[in-house]
Amino acid sequence: MAYQNLPDLALIDIHLGETIDGISVATELAPLGVLIIFVTAYHKRAVTEGRELATDILIKPVLESTILTAVTVALQQRQETGAGRSGLSE
């Protein structure tokens, strides 16, 4: 679904189930220019395996206001730097 409607930003949990994990999803989306924010209780794994993919890592439990702030900051930083999806039409 993400490939059909490529998002600007994805909130991703590390533990998604037994067949796929959030780091695998982030590995697919980040090179396409999607900003990644991990929202997870598995913060050690996010830091060791996914830090280079993530704009931010939020540790569960997390307040809604913290999520909204992280999303706002990530999108503002992208807008200020002019960084976007290279080679993709928006």
N, C-alpha and C. Protein backbone atom coordinates (compact mmCIF):
# COMPACT_ATOMS: atom_id res chain seq x y z
N MET A 1 0.83 -1.18 0.00
CA MET A 1 0.00 0.00 0.00
C MET A 1 0.88 1.26 0.00
N ALA A 2 1.98 1.22 0.74
CA ALA A 2 2.85 2.40 0.82
C ALA A 2 3.45 2.75 -0.54
N TYR A 3 3.72 1.75 -1.36
CA TYR A 3 4.27 2.03 -2.69
C TYR A 3 3.25 2.70 -3.60
N GLN A 4 1.98 2.40 -3.43
CA GLN A 4 0.93 3.01 -4.26
C GLN A 4 0.68 4.45 -3.86
N ASN A 5 0.75 4.75 -2.58
CA ASN A 5 0.53 6.10 -2.07
C ASN A 5 1.66 6.43 -1.11
N LEU A 6 2.82 6.71 -1.67
CA LEU A 6 4.02 6.91 -0.88
C LEU A 6 3.83 8.05 0.12
N PRO A 7 3.94 7.76 1.40
CA PRO A 7 3.73 8.79 2.42
C PRO A 7 4.96 9.69 2.55
N ASP A 8 4.76 10.86 3.13
CA ASP A 8 5.89 11.73 3.45
C ASP A 8 6.62 11.23 4.69
N LEU A 9 5.85 10.60 5.59
CA LEU A 9 6.39 10.19 6.87
C LEU A 9 5.68 8.92 7.32
N ALA A 10 6.42 8.05 8.00
CA ALA A 10 5.82 6.82 8.53
C ALA A 10 6.18 6.66 9.99
N LEU A 11 5.17 6.40 10.82
CA LEU A 11 5.37 6.03 12.22
C LEU A 11 5.41 4.51 12.23
N ILE A 12 6.51 3.94 12.67
CA ILE A 12 6.69 2.50 12.56
C ILE A 12 7.08 1.90 13.90
N ASP A 13 6.38 0.84 14.27
CA ASP A 13 6.73 0.05 15.44
C ASP A 13 7.75 -1.00 14.99
N ILE A 14 8.67 -1.38 15.85
CA ILE A 14 9.66 -2.40 15.50
C ILE A 14 9.02 -3.77 15.43
N HIS A 15 8.23 -4.11 16.42
CA HIS A 15 7.62 -5.44 16.50
C HIS A 15 6.25 -5.42 15.82
N LEU A 16 6.19 -5.89 14.58
CA LEU A 16 4.94 -5.89 13.82
C LEU A 16 4.29 -7.26 13.76
N GLY A 17 4.98 -8.26 14.13
CA GLY A 17 4.46 -9.62 14.05
C GLY A 17 5.60 -10.58 13.75
N GLU A 18 5.24 -11.75 13.38
CA GLU A 18 6.27 -12.78 13.18
C GLU A 18 6.87 -12.79 11.78
N THR A 19 6.18 -12.27 10.78
CA THR A 19 6.69 -12.38 9.42
C THR A 19 7.47 -11.16 8.95
N ILE A 20 7.28 -10.02 9.58
CA ILE A 20 7.98 -8.80 9.17
C ILE A 20 8.18 -7.92 10.39
N ASP A 21 9.23 -7.11 10.36
CA ASP A 21 9.44 -6.18 11.46
C ASP A 21 9.57 -4.76 10.92
N GLY A 22 9.50 -3.81 11.83
CA GLY A 22 9.52 -2.42 11.44
C GLY A 22 10.82 -1.96 10.81
N ILE A 23 11.92 -2.57 11.20
CA ILE A 23 13.19 -2.18 10.59
C ILE A 23 13.21 -2.58 9.12
N SER A 24 12.65 -3.73 8.80
CA SER A 24 12.55 -4.14 7.39
C SER A 24 11.69 -3.17 6.59
N VAL A 25 10.59 -2.75 7.19
CA VAL A 25 9.71 -1.77 6.52
C VAL A 25 10.46 -0.46 6.31
N ALA A 26 11.15 0.01 7.35
CA ALA A 26 11.91 1.25 7.24
C ALA A 26 13.01 1.15 6.19
N THR A 27 13.64 0.00 6.09
CA THR A 27 14.69 -0.22 5.10
C THR A 27 14.16 -0.08 3.68
N GLU A 28 12.91 -0.43 3.49
CA GLU A 28 12.27 -0.29 2.17
C GLU A 28 11.85 1.16 1.90
N LEU A 29 11.32 1.85 2.92
CA LEU A 29 10.74 3.17 2.72
C LEU A 29 11.75 4.32 2.76
N ALA A 30 12.73 4.25 3.64
CA ALA A 30 13.69 5.35 3.80
C ALA A 30 14.41 5.72 2.50
N PRO A 31 14.88 4.75 1.70
CA PRO A 31 15.55 5.12 0.45
C PRO A 31 14.63 5.82 -0.56
N LEU A 32 13.33 5.70 -0.35
CA LEU A 32 12.35 6.35 -1.23
C LEU A 32 12.04 7.77 -0.77
N GLY A 33 12.71 8.21 0.30
CA GLY A 33 12.52 9.56 0.80
C GLY A 33 11.46 9.70 1.87
N VAL A 34 10.97 8.59 2.37
CA VAL A 34 9.96 8.64 3.43
C VAL A 34 10.66 8.85 4.77
N LEU A 35 10.24 9.86 5.51
CA LEU A 35 10.78 10.07 6.84
C LEU A 35 10.27 8.96 7.75
N ILE A 36 11.14 8.45 8.60
CA ILE A 36 10.80 7.35 9.50
C ILE A 36 10.90 7.82 10.94
N ILE A 37 9.85 7.58 11.70
CA ILE A 37 9.89 7.77 13.15
C ILE A 37 9.49 6.43 13.75
N PHE A 38 10.43 5.84 14.49
CA PHE A 38 10.11 4.59 15.19
C PHE A 38 9.37 4.94 16.48
N VAL A 39 8.27 4.25 16.72
CA VAL A 39 7.51 4.36 17.97
C VAL A 39 7.48 2.94 18.51
N THR A 40 8.32 2.68 19.51
CA THR A 40 8.56 1.28 19.88
C THR A 40 9.00 1.12 21.33
N ALA A 41 8.75 -0.04 21.85
CA ALA A 41 9.29 -0.42 23.16
C ALA A 41 10.67 -1.06 22.98
N TYR A 42 11.00 -1.42 21.75
CA TYR A 42 12.29 -2.06 21.43
C TYR A 42 13.32 -1.00 21.04
N HIS A 43 13.51 -0.03 21.92
CA HIS A 43 14.37 1.10 21.59
C HIS A 43 15.83 0.70 21.39
N LYS A 44 16.33 -0.31 22.09
CA LYS A 44 17.72 -0.73 21.89
C LYS A 44 17.92 -1.23 20.47
N ARG A 45 16.98 -2.00 19.99
CA ARG A 45 17.08 -2.51 18.62
C ARG A 45 16.94 -1.37 17.61
N ALA A 46 16.05 -0.44 17.89
CA ALA A 46 15.89 0.70 16.99
C ALA A 46 17.18 1.50 16.89
N VAL A 47 17.85 1.68 18.02
CA VAL A 47 19.10 2.44 18.03
C VAL A 47 20.21 1.68 17.33
N THR A 48 20.33 0.38 17.59
CA THR A 48 21.44 -0.38 17.02
C THR A 48 21.23 -0.75 15.56
N GLU A 49 20.00 -1.05 15.17
CA GLU A 49 19.76 -1.52 13.81
C GLU A 49 19.07 -0.51 12.90
N GLY A 50 18.41 0.49 13.48
CA GLY A 50 17.62 1.38 12.65
C GLY A 50 17.92 2.85 12.77
N ARG A 51 18.92 3.21 13.55
CA ARG A 51 19.21 4.62 13.79
C ARG A 51 19.44 5.41 12.50
N GLU A 52 20.17 4.83 11.58
CA GLU A 52 20.48 5.55 10.34
C GLU A 52 19.26 5.73 9.45
N LEU A 53 18.22 4.98 9.71
CA LEU A 53 16.98 5.08 8.93
C LEU A 53 16.00 6.08 9.52
N ALA A 54 16.13 6.37 10.81
CA ALA A 54 15.10 7.10 11.53
C ALA A 54 15.40 8.58 11.70
N THR A 55 14.36 9.36 11.55
CA THR A 55 14.42 10.78 11.89
C THR A 55 14.36 10.94 13.40
N ASP A 56 13.61 10.04 14.05
CA ASP A 56 13.46 10.08 15.50
C ASP A 56 13.09 8.68 16.00
N ILE A 57 13.34 8.45 17.27
CA ILE A 57 12.93 7.20 17.92
C ILE A 57 12.19 7.58 19.19
N LEU A 58 10.94 7.19 19.27
CA LEU A 58 10.12 7.46 20.45
C LEU A 58 9.89 6.15 21.18
N ILE A 59 10.07 6.18 22.49
CA ILE A 59 9.99 4.97 23.29
C ILE A 59 8.61 4.87 23.93
N LYS A 60 7.94 3.73 23.68
CA LYS A 60 6.63 3.49 24.28
C LYS A 60 6.77 3.26 25.77
N PRO A 61 5.81 3.65 26.55
CA PRO A 61 4.61 4.39 26.14
C PRO A 61 4.99 5.83 25.83
N VAL A 62 4.30 6.41 24.89
CA VAL A 62 4.60 7.77 24.45
C VAL A 62 3.29 8.57 24.39
N LEU A 63 3.39 9.80 24.79
CA LEU A 63 2.22 10.68 24.77
C LEU A 63 1.89 11.11 23.34
N GLU A 64 0.63 11.29 23.08
CA GLU A 64 0.19 11.76 21.76
C GLU A 64 0.87 13.09 21.42
N SER A 65 0.98 13.97 22.40
CA SER A 65 1.62 15.27 22.15
C SER A 65 3.08 15.12 21.73
N THR A 66 3.76 14.12 22.26
CA THR A 66 5.15 13.86 21.88
C THR A 66 5.23 13.39 20.43
N ILE A 67 4.30 12.54 20.04
CA ILE A 67 4.26 12.07 18.66
C ILE A 67 3.99 13.25 17.72
N LEU A 68 3.01 14.06 18.06
CA LEU A 68 2.67 15.21 17.21
C LEU A 68 3.85 16.17 17.08
N THR A 69 4.56 16.39 18.16
CA THR A 69 5.74 17.26 18.11
C THR A 69 6.82 16.66 17.21
N ALA A 70 7.09 15.37 17.35
CA ALA A 70 8.11 14.71 16.53
C ALA A 70 7.76 14.78 15.05
N VAL A 71 6.49 14.56 14.73
CA VAL A 71 6.05 14.64 13.32
C VAL A 71 6.21 16.06 12.80
N THR A 72 5.77 17.03 13.57
CA THR A 72 5.88 18.43 13.16
C THR A 72 7.32 18.84 12.93
N VAL A 73 8.20 18.48 13.85
CA VAL A 73 9.62 18.84 13.73
C VAL A 73 10.22 18.18 12.49
N ALA A 74 9.95 16.90 12.28
CA ALA A 74 10.51 16.19 11.12
C ALA A 74 10.06 16.82 9.81
N LEU A 75 8.78 17.13 9.71
CA LEU A 75 8.27 17.73 8.47
C LEU A 75 8.78 19.15 8.27
N GLN A 76 8.92 19.91 9.35
CA GLN A 76 9.48 21.26 9.25
C GLN A 76 10.94 21.22 8.82
N GLN A 77 11.70 20.30 9.38
CA GLN A 77 13.11 20.18 9.00
C GLN A 77 13.25 19.83 7.53
N ARG A 78 12.41 18.93 7.06
CA ARG A 78 12.45 18.57 5.64
C ARG A 78 12.14 19.79 4.78
N GLN A 79 11.13 20.54 5.17
CA GLN A 79 10.73 21.72 4.39
C GLN A 79 11.84 22.77 4.39
N GLU A 80 12.47 22.98 5.55
CA GLU A 80 13.54 23.98 5.67
C GLU A 80 14.78 23.60 4.87
N THR A 81 15.11 22.32 4.84
CA THR A 81 16.31 21.90 4.12
C THR A 81 16.03 21.67 2.63
N GLY A 82 14.76 21.58 2.30
CA GLY A 82 14.41 21.33 0.91
C GLY A 82 14.62 19.89 0.50
N ALA A 83 14.93 19.05 1.48
CA ALA A 83 15.15 17.63 1.19
C ALA A 83 13.81 16.98 0.95
N GLY A 84 13.77 16.19 -0.06
CA GLY A 84 12.53 15.47 -0.38
C GLY A 84 12.87 14.19 -1.08
N ARG A 85 11.90 13.67 -1.73
CA ARG A 85 12.11 12.44 -2.47
C ARG A 85 12.77 12.74 -3.79
N SER A 86 14.01 12.35 -3.92
CA SER A 86 14.73 12.61 -5.16
C SER A 86 14.22 11.70 -6.27
N GLY A 87 13.94 12.31 -7.38
CA GLY A 87 13.53 11.52 -8.54
C GLY A 87 12.08 11.07 -8.51
N LEU A 88 11.34 11.45 -7.51
CA LEU A 88 9.94 11.04 -7.45
C LEU A 88 9.07 12.28 -7.57
N SER A 89 7.97 12.12 -8.25
CA SER A 89 7.05 13.24 -8.35
C SER A 89 6.19 13.29 -7.10
N GLU A 90 5.93 14.51 -6.63
CA GLU A 90 5.13 14.66 -5.42
C GLU A 90 3.79 15.27 -5.76
